[in-house]
PDB file of all heavy atoms in Angstrom:
ATOM      1  N   CYS A   1     -10.162 150.568  30.348  1.00  0.00           N
ATOM      2  CA  CYS A   1     -10.720 149.814  31.482  1.00  0.00           C
ATOM      3  C   CYS A   1      -9.701 148.857  32.076  1.00  0.00           C
ATOM      4  O   CYS A   1      -9.599 148.734  33.302  1.00  0.00           O
ATOM      5  CB  CYS A   1     -11.946 149.029  31.023  1.00  0.00           C
ATOM      6  SG  CYS A   1     -13.483 149.859  31.378  1.00  0.00           S
ATOM      7  N   LEU A   2      -8.964 148.165  31.218  1.00  0.00           N
ATOM      8  CA  LEU A   2      -7.976 147.209  31.716  1.00  0.00           C
ATOM      9  C   LEU A   2      -6.855 147.930  32.458  1.00  0.00           C
ATOM     10  O   LEU A   2      -6.376 147.446  33.494  1.00  0.00           O
ATOM     11  CB  LEU A   2      -7.428 146.381  30.560  1.00  0.00           C
ATOM     12  CG  LEU A   2      -8.407 145.337  30.007  1.00  0.00           C
ATOM     13  CD1 LEU A   2      -7.956 144.839  28.643  1.00  0.00           C
ATOM     14  CD2 LEU A   2      -8.560 144.169  30.981  1.00  0.00           C
ATOM     15  N   ASN A   3      -6.431 149.086  31.965  1.00  0.00           N
ATOM     16  CA  ASN A   3      -5.433 149.869  32.690  1.00  0.00           C
ATOM     17  C   ASN A   3      -5.979 150.316  34.047  1.00  0.00           C
ATOM     18  O   ASN A   3      -5.258 150.312  35.052  1.00  0.00           O
ATOM     19  CB  ASN A   3      -5.014 151.080  31.861  1.00  0.00           C
ATOM     20  CG  ASN A   3      -3.907 150.751  30.862  1.00  0.00           C
ATOM     21  OD1 ASN A   3      -3.026 149.940  31.145  1.00  0.00           O
ATOM     22  ND2 ASN A   3      -3.947 151.375  29.702  1.00  0.00           N
ATOM     23  N   ASN A   4      -7.238 150.712  34.071  1.00  0.00           N
ATOM     24  CA  ASN A   4      -7.843 151.113  35.338  1.00  0.00           C
ATOM     25  C   ASN A   4      -7.982 149.925  36.287  1.00  0.00           C
ATOM     26  O   ASN A   4      -7.806 150.066  37.503  1.00  0.00           O
ATOM     27  CB  ASN A   4      -9.201 151.755  35.085  1.00  0.00           C
ATOM     28  CG  ASN A   4      -9.099 153.109  34.411  1.00  0.00           C
ATOM     29  OD1 ASN A   4      -8.008 153.639  34.247  1.00  0.00           O
ATOM     30  ND2 ASN A   4     -10.222 153.673  34.015  1.00  0.00           N
ATOM     31  N   CYS A   5      -8.304 148.763  35.737  1.00  0.00           N
ATOM     32  CA  CYS A   5      -8.353 147.546  36.568  1.00  0.00           C
ATOM     33  C   CYS A   5      -6.986 147.291  37.202  1.00  0.00           C
ATOM     34  O   CYS A   5      -6.895 146.941  38.386  1.00  0.00           O
ATOM     35  CB  CYS A   5      -8.756 146.340  35.720  1.00  0.00           C
ATOM     36  SG  CYS A   5     -10.510 146.231  35.328  1.00  0.00           S
ATOM     37  N   ALA A   6      -5.924 147.440  36.420  1.00  0.00           N
ATOM     38  CA  ALA A   6      -4.578 147.219  36.941  1.00  0.00           C
ATOM     39  C   ALA A   6      -4.274 148.173  38.091  1.00  0.00           C
ATOM     40  O   ALA A   6      -3.712 147.774  39.111  1.00  0.00           O
ATOM     41  CB  ALA A   6      -3.553 147.384  35.822  1.00  0.00           C
ATOM     42  N   ALA A   7      -4.660 149.441  37.931  1.00  0.00           N
ATOM     43  CA  ALA A   7      -4.417 150.425  38.993  1.00  0.00           C
ATOM     44  C   ALA A   7      -5.185 150.058  40.259  1.00  0.00           C
ATOM     45  O   ALA A   7      -4.650 150.149  41.376  1.00  0.00           O
ATOM     46  CB  ALA A   7      -4.809 151.818  38.507  1.00  0.00           C
ATOM     47  N   ALA A   8      -6.435 149.631  40.097  1.00  0.00           N
ATOM     48  CA  ALA A   8      -7.235 149.257  41.268  1.00  0.00           C
ATOM     49  C   ALA A   8      -6.678 147.998  41.935  1.00  0.00           C
ATOM     50  O   ALA A   8      -6.635 147.901  43.173  1.00  0.00           O
ATOM     51  CB  ALA A   8      -8.687 149.045  40.850  1.00  0.00           C
ATOM     52  N   GLU A   9      -6.266 147.021  41.128  1.00  0.00           N
ATOM     53  CA  GLU A   9      -5.687 145.795  41.695  1.00  0.00           C
ATOM     54  C   GLU A   9      -4.435 146.123  42.510  1.00  0.00           C
ATOM     55  O   GLU A   9      -4.212 145.553  43.589  1.00  0.00           O
ATOM     56  CB  GLU A   9      -5.337 144.809  40.577  1.00  0.00           C
ATOM     57  CG  GLU A   9      -6.517 144.272  39.786  1.00  0.00           C
ATOM     58  CD  GLU A   9      -7.302 143.185  40.521  1.00  0.00           C
ATOM     59  OE1 GLU A   9      -7.162 143.061  41.746  1.00  0.00           O
ATOM     60  OE2 GLU A   9      -8.066 142.473  39.845  1.00  0.00           O
ATOM     61  N   LEU A  10      -3.612 147.045  42.007  1.00  0.00           N
ATOM     62  CA  LEU A  10      -2.413 147.435  42.755  1.00  0.00           C
ATOM     63  C   LEU A  10      -2.778 148.073  44.086  1.00  0.00           C
ATOM     64  O   LEU A  10      -2.148 147.805  45.109  1.00  0.00           O
ATOM     65  CB  LEU A  10      -1.578 148.400  41.919  1.00  0.00           C
ATOM     66  CG  LEU A  10      -0.627 147.778  40.901  1.00  0.00           C
ATOM     67  CD1 LEU A  10       0.055 148.865  40.087  1.00  0.00           C
ATOM     68  CD2 LEU A  10       0.413 146.906  41.591  1.00  0.00           C
ATOM     69  N   LYS A  11      -3.785 148.928  44.083  1.00  0.00           N
ATOM     70  CA  LYS A  11      -4.221 149.560  45.328  1.00  0.00           C
ATOM     71  C   LYS A  11      -4.740 148.535  46.320  1.00  0.00           C
ATOM     72  O   LYS A  11      -4.652 148.726  47.538  1.00  0.00           O
ATOM     73  CB  LYS A  11      -5.310 150.589  45.032  1.00  0.00           C
ATOM     74  CG  LYS A  11      -4.825 151.827  44.289  1.00  0.00           C
ATOM     75  CD  LYS A  11      -3.921 152.681  45.159  1.00  0.00           C
ATOM     76  CE  LYS A  11      -3.563 153.986  44.481  1.00  0.00           C
ATOM     77  NZ  LYS A  11      -2.670 154.829  45.334  1.00  0.00           N
ATOM     78  N   LEU A  12      -5.261 147.428  45.807  1.00  0.00           N
ATOM     79  CA  LEU A  12      -5.772 146.353  46.670  1.00  0.00           C
ATOM     80  C   LEU A  12      -4.678 145.352  47.028  1.00  0.00           C
ATOM     81  O   LEU A  12      -4.954 144.341  47.678  1.00  0.00           O
ATOM     82  CB  LEU A  12      -6.939 145.638  45.979  1.00  0.00           C
ATOM     83  CG  LEU A  12      -8.208 146.492  45.795  1.00  0.00           C
ATOM     84  CD1 LEU A  12      -9.176 145.813  44.830  1.00  0.00           C
ATOM     85  CD2 LEU A  12      -8.885 146.750  47.135  1.00  0.00           C
ATOM     86  N   GLY A  13      -3.428 145.601  46.578  1.00  0.00           N
ATOM     87  CA  GLY A  13      -2.308 144.736  46.933  1.00  0.00           C
ATOM     88  C   GLY A  13      -2.249 143.449  46.142  1.00  0.00           C
ATOM     89  O   GLY A  13      -1.660 142.465  46.605  1.00  0.00           O
ATOM     90  N   ARG A  14      -2.817 143.438  44.936  1.00  0.00           N
ATOM     91  CA  ARG A  14      -2.857 142.206  44.138  1.00  0.00           C
ATOM     92  C   ARG A  14      -2.026 142.406  42.876  1.00  0.00           C
ATOM     93  O   ARG A  14      -2.548 142.653  41.791  1.00  0.00           O
ATOM     94  CB  ARG A  14      -4.305 141.846  43.813  1.00  0.00           C
ATOM     95  CG  ARG A  14      -5.151 141.627  45.065  1.00  0.00           C
ATOM     96  CD  ARG A  14      -6.413 140.861  44.792  1.00  0.00           C
ATOM     97  NE  ARG A  14      -7.391 141.621  44.073  1.00  0.00           N
ATOM     98  CZ  ARG A  14      -8.593 141.975  44.559  1.00  0.00           C
ATOM     99  NH1 ARG A  14      -8.912 141.645  45.805  1.00  0.00           N
ATOM    100  NH2 ARG A  14      -9.452 142.645  43.821  1.00  0.00           N
ATOM    101  N   ALA A  15      -0.708 142.283  43.039  1.00  0.00           N
ATOM    102  CA  ALA A  15       0.215 142.573  41.946  1.00  0.00           C
ATOM    103  C   ALA A  15       0.046 141.609  40.775  1.00  0.00           C
ATOM    104  O   ALA A  15       0.151 142.016  39.601  1.00  0.00           O
ATOM    105  CB  ALA A  15       1.654 142.535  42.455  1.00  0.00           C
ATOM    106  N   GLU A  16      -0.188 140.330  41.039  1.00  0.00           N
ATOM    107  CA  GLU A  16      -0.338 139.360  39.951  1.00  0.00           C
ATOM    108  C   GLU A  16      -1.564 139.687  39.100  1.00  0.00           C
ATOM    109  O   GLU A  16      -1.521 139.596  37.872  1.00  0.00           O
ATOM    110  CB  GLU A  16      -0.451 137.945  40.523  1.00  0.00           C
ATOM    111  CG  GLU A  16       0.862 137.368  41.005  1.00  0.00           C
ATOM    112  CD  GLU A  16       1.849 137.102  39.860  1.00  0.00           C
ATOM    113  OE1 GLU A  16       1.396 137.006  38.702  1.00  0.00           O
ATOM    114  OE2 GLU A  16       3.053 137.011  40.126  1.00  0.00           O
ATOM    115  N   ASP A  17      -2.676 140.063  39.740  1.00  0.00           N
ATOM    116  CA  ASP A  17      -3.872 140.428  38.986  1.00  0.00           C
ATOM    117  C   ASP A  17      -3.645 141.715  38.206  1.00  0.00           C
ATOM    118  O   ASP A  17      -4.160 141.878  37.093  1.00  0.00           O
ATOM    119  CB  ASP A  17      -5.065 140.582  39.931  1.00  0.00           C
ATOM    120  CG  ASP A  17      -5.494 139.252  40.539  1.00  0.00           C
ATOM    121  OD1 ASP A  17      -5.368 138.225  39.850  1.00  0.00           O
ATOM    122  OD2 ASP A  17      -5.946 139.242  41.694  1.00  0.00           O
ATOM    123  N   ALA A  18      -2.895 142.647  38.790  1.00  0.00           N
ATOM    124  CA  ALA A  18      -2.561 143.884  38.074  1.00  0.00           C
ATOM    125  C   ALA A  18      -1.737 143.575  36.829  1.00  0.00           C
ATOM    126  O   ALA A  18      -1.970 144.145  35.759  1.00  0.00           O
ATOM    127  CB  ALA A  18      -1.815 144.836  39.000  1.00  0.00           C
ATOM    128  N   LEU A  19      -0.771 142.677  36.969  1.00  0.00           N
ATOM    129  CA  LEU A  19       0.059 142.289  35.826  1.00  0.00           C
ATOM    130  C   LEU A  19      -0.784 141.634  34.736  1.00  0.00           C
ATOM    131  O   LEU A  19      -0.611 141.916  33.541  1.00  0.00           O
ATOM    132  CB  LEU A  19       1.168 141.346  36.287  1.00  0.00           C
ATOM    133  CG  LEU A  19       2.159 140.878  35.222  1.00  0.00           C
ATOM    134  CD1 LEU A  19       2.873 142.064  34.582  1.00  0.00           C
ATOM    135  CD2 LEU A  19       3.173 139.904  35.830  1.00  0.00           C
ATOM    136  N   ALA A  20      -1.729 140.789  35.135  1.00  0.00           N
ATOM    137  CA  ALA A  20      -2.606 140.132  34.155  1.00  0.00           C
ATOM    138  C   ALA A  20      -3.446 141.168  33.410  1.00  0.00           C
ATOM    139  O   ALA A  20      -3.670 141.044  32.192  1.00  0.00           O
ATOM    140  CB  ALA A  20      -3.500 139.124  34.858  1.00  0.00           C
ATOM    141  N   ALA A  21      -3.909 142.188  34.108  1.00  0.00           N
ATOM    142  CA  ALA A  21      -4.703 143.233  33.453  1.00  0.00           C
ATOM    143  C   ALA A  21      -3.847 144.018  32.458  1.00  0.00           C
ATOM    144  O   ALA A  21      -4.297 144.349  31.354  1.00  0.00           O
ATOM    145  CB  ALA A  21      -5.307 144.166  34.500  1.00  0.00           C
ATOM    146  N   CYS A  22      -2.589 144.311  32.827  1.00  0.00           N
ATOM    147  CA  CYS A  22      -1.681 144.992  31.898  1.00  0.00           C
ATOM    148  C   CYS A  22      -1.457 144.163  30.648  1.00  0.00           C
ATOM    149  O   CYS A  22      -1.468 144.676  29.515  1.00  0.00           O
ATOM    150  CB  CYS A  22      -0.341 145.258  32.573  1.00  0.00           C
ATOM    151  SG  CYS A  22      -0.389 146.478  33.879  1.00  0.00           S
ATOM    152  N   GLU A  23      -1.237 142.874  30.838  1.00  0.00           N
ATOM    153  CA  GLU A  23      -0.971 142.012  29.692  1.00  0.00           C
ATOM    154  C   GLU A  23      -2.197 141.880  28.795  1.00  0.00           C
ATOM    155  O   GLU A  23      -2.073 141.805  27.563  1.00  0.00           O
ATOM    156  CB  GLU A  23      -0.487 140.653  30.192  1.00  0.00           C
ATOM    157  CG  GLU A  23       0.924 140.756  30.807  1.00  0.00           C
ATOM    158  CD  GLU A  23       1.389 139.499  31.504  1.00  0.00           C
ATOM    159  OE1 GLU A  23       0.534 138.628  31.776  1.00  0.00           O
ATOM    160  OE2 GLU A  23       2.600 139.389  31.787  1.00  0.00           O
ATOM    161  N   ALA A  24      -3.387 141.886  29.399  1.00  0.00           N
ATOM    162  CA  ALA A  24      -4.613 141.858  28.594  1.00  0.00           C
ATOM    163  C   ALA A  24      -4.741 143.140  27.771  1.00  0.00           C
ATOM    164  O   ALA A  24      -5.144 143.110  26.604  1.00  0.00           O
ATOM    165  CB  ALA A  24      -5.834 141.684  29.500  1.00  0.00           C
ATOM    166  N   ALA A  25      -4.383 144.282  28.379  1.00  0.00           N
ATOM    167  CA  ALA A  25      -4.416 145.552  27.642  1.00  0.00           C
ATOM    168  C   ALA A  25      -3.430 145.538  26.486  1.00  0.00           C
ATOM    169  O   ALA A  25      -3.745 146.016  25.385  1.00  0.00           O
ATOM    170  CB  ALA A  25      -4.117 146.707  28.593  1.00  0.00           C
ATOM    171  N   LEU A  26      -2.259 144.969  26.705  1.00  0.00           N
ATOM    172  CA  LEU A  26      -1.233 144.945  25.658  1.00  0.00           C
ATOM    173  C   LEU A  26      -1.576 143.960  24.542  1.00  0.00           C
ATOM    174  O   LEU A  26      -1.115 144.128  23.413  1.00  0.00           O
ATOM    175  CB  LEU A  26       0.125 144.623  26.269  1.00  0.00           C
ATOM    176  CG  LEU A  26       0.698 145.736  27.151  1.00  0.00           C
ATOM    177  CD1 LEU A  26       1.899 145.243  27.939  1.00  0.00           C
ATOM    178  CD2 LEU A  26       1.069 146.953  26.296  1.00  0.00           C
ATOM    179  N   ARG A  27      -2.369 142.953  24.832  1.00  0.00           N
ATOM    180  CA  ARG A  27      -2.818 142.068  23.754  1.00  0.00           C
ATOM    181  C   ARG A  27      -3.733 142.821  22.784  1.00  0.00           C
ATOM    182  O   ARG A  27      -3.782 142.519  21.594  1.00  0.00           O
ATOM    183  CB  ARG A  27      -3.540 140.847  24.330  1.00  0.00           C
ATOM    184  CG  ARG A  27      -2.594 139.810  24.916  1.00  0.00           C
ATOM    185  CD  ARG A  27      -3.288 138.480  25.156  1.00  0.00           C
ATOM    186  NE  ARG A  27      -4.274 138.553  26.220  1.00  0.00           N
ATOM    187  CZ  ARG A  27      -3.985 138.360  27.512  1.00  0.00           C
ATOM    188  NH1 ARG A  27      -2.739 138.106  27.889  1.00  0.00           N
ATOM    189  NH2 ARG A  27      -4.931 138.421  28.422  1.00  0.00           N
ATOM    190  N   ILE A  28      -4.461 143.788  23.301  1.00  0.00           N
ATOM    191  CA  ILE A  28      -5.340 144.606  22.448  1.00  0.00           C
ATOM    192  C   ILE A  28      -4.556 145.724  21.781  1.00  0.00           C
ATOM    193  O   ILE A  28      -4.733 146.013  20.607  1.00  0.00           O
ATOM    194  CB  ILE A  28      -6.492 145.199  23.294  1.00  0.00           C
ATOM    195  CG1 ILE A  28      -7.331 144.084  23.931  1.00  0.00           C
ATOM    196  CG2 ILE A  28      -7.384 146.101  22.438  1.00  0.00           C
ATOM    197  CD1 ILE A  28      -8.341 144.587  24.947  1.00  0.00           C
ATOM    198  N   SER A  29      -3.660 146.362  22.553  1.00  0.00           N
ATOM    199  CA  SER A  29      -2.897 147.508  22.058  1.00  0.00           C
ATOM    200  C   SER A  29      -1.441 147.346  22.482  1.00  0.00           C
ATOM    201  O   SER A  29      -1.044 147.829  23.546  1.00  0.00           O
ATOM    202  CB  SER A  29      -3.495 148.801  22.628  1.00  0.00           C
ATOM    203  OG  SER A  29      -2.784 149.924  22.182  1.00  0.00           O
ATOM    204  N   PRO A  30      -0.624 146.651  21.672  1.00  0.00           N
ATOM    205  CA  PRO A  30       0.748 146.318  22.090  1.00  0.00           C
ATOM    206  C   PRO A  30       1.625 147.530  22.401  1.00  0.00           C
ATOM    207  O   PRO A  30       2.619 147.386  23.124  1.00  0.00           O
ATOM    208  CB  PRO A  30       1.294 145.536  20.891  1.00  0.00           C
ATOM    209  CG  PRO A  30       0.087 145.015  20.184  1.00  0.00           C
ATOM    210  CD  PRO A  30      -0.972 146.045  20.373  1.00  0.00           C
ATOM    211  N   ASP A  31       1.286 148.694  21.881  1.00  0.00           N
ATOM    212  CA  ASP A  31       2.114 149.877  22.103  1.00  0.00           C
ATOM    213  C   ASP A  31       1.466 150.860  23.078  1.00  0.00           C
ATOM    214  O   ASP A  31       1.765 152.061  23.035  1.00  0.00           O
ATOM    215  CB  ASP A  31       2.408 150.576  20.772  1.00  0.00           C
ATOM    216  CG  ASP A  31       3.382 149.792  19.917  1.00  0.00           C
ATOM    217  OD1 ASP A  31       4.147 148.984  20.480  1.00  0.00           O
ATOM    218  OD2 ASP A  31       3.372 149.976  18.688  1.00  0.00           O
ATOM    219  N   ASN A  32       0.599 150.381  23.931  1.00  0.00           N
ATOM    220  CA  ASN A  32      -0.003 151.281  24.909  1.00  0.00           C
ATOM    221  C   ASN A  32       1.033 151.626  25.978  1.00  0.00           C
ATOM    222  O   ASN A  32       1.485 150.760  26.723  1.00  0.00           O
ATOM    223  CB  ASN A  32      -1.233 150.621  25.537  1.00  0.00           C
ATOM    224  CG  ASN A  32      -1.930 151.549  26.511  1.00  0.00           C
ATOM    225  OD1 ASN A  32      -1.695 151.506  27.713  1.00  0.00           O
ATOM    226  ND2 ASN A  32      -2.790 152.413  25.998  1.00  0.00           N
TER     227      ASN A  32
END
């Protein structure tokens, strides 16, 4: 879900929110 959120945020032009979603995903799974 967090990876999908990042993809949607990028499509909406919100790079900072996309980055935050990626970092949240990596806190759960550091090797994703």
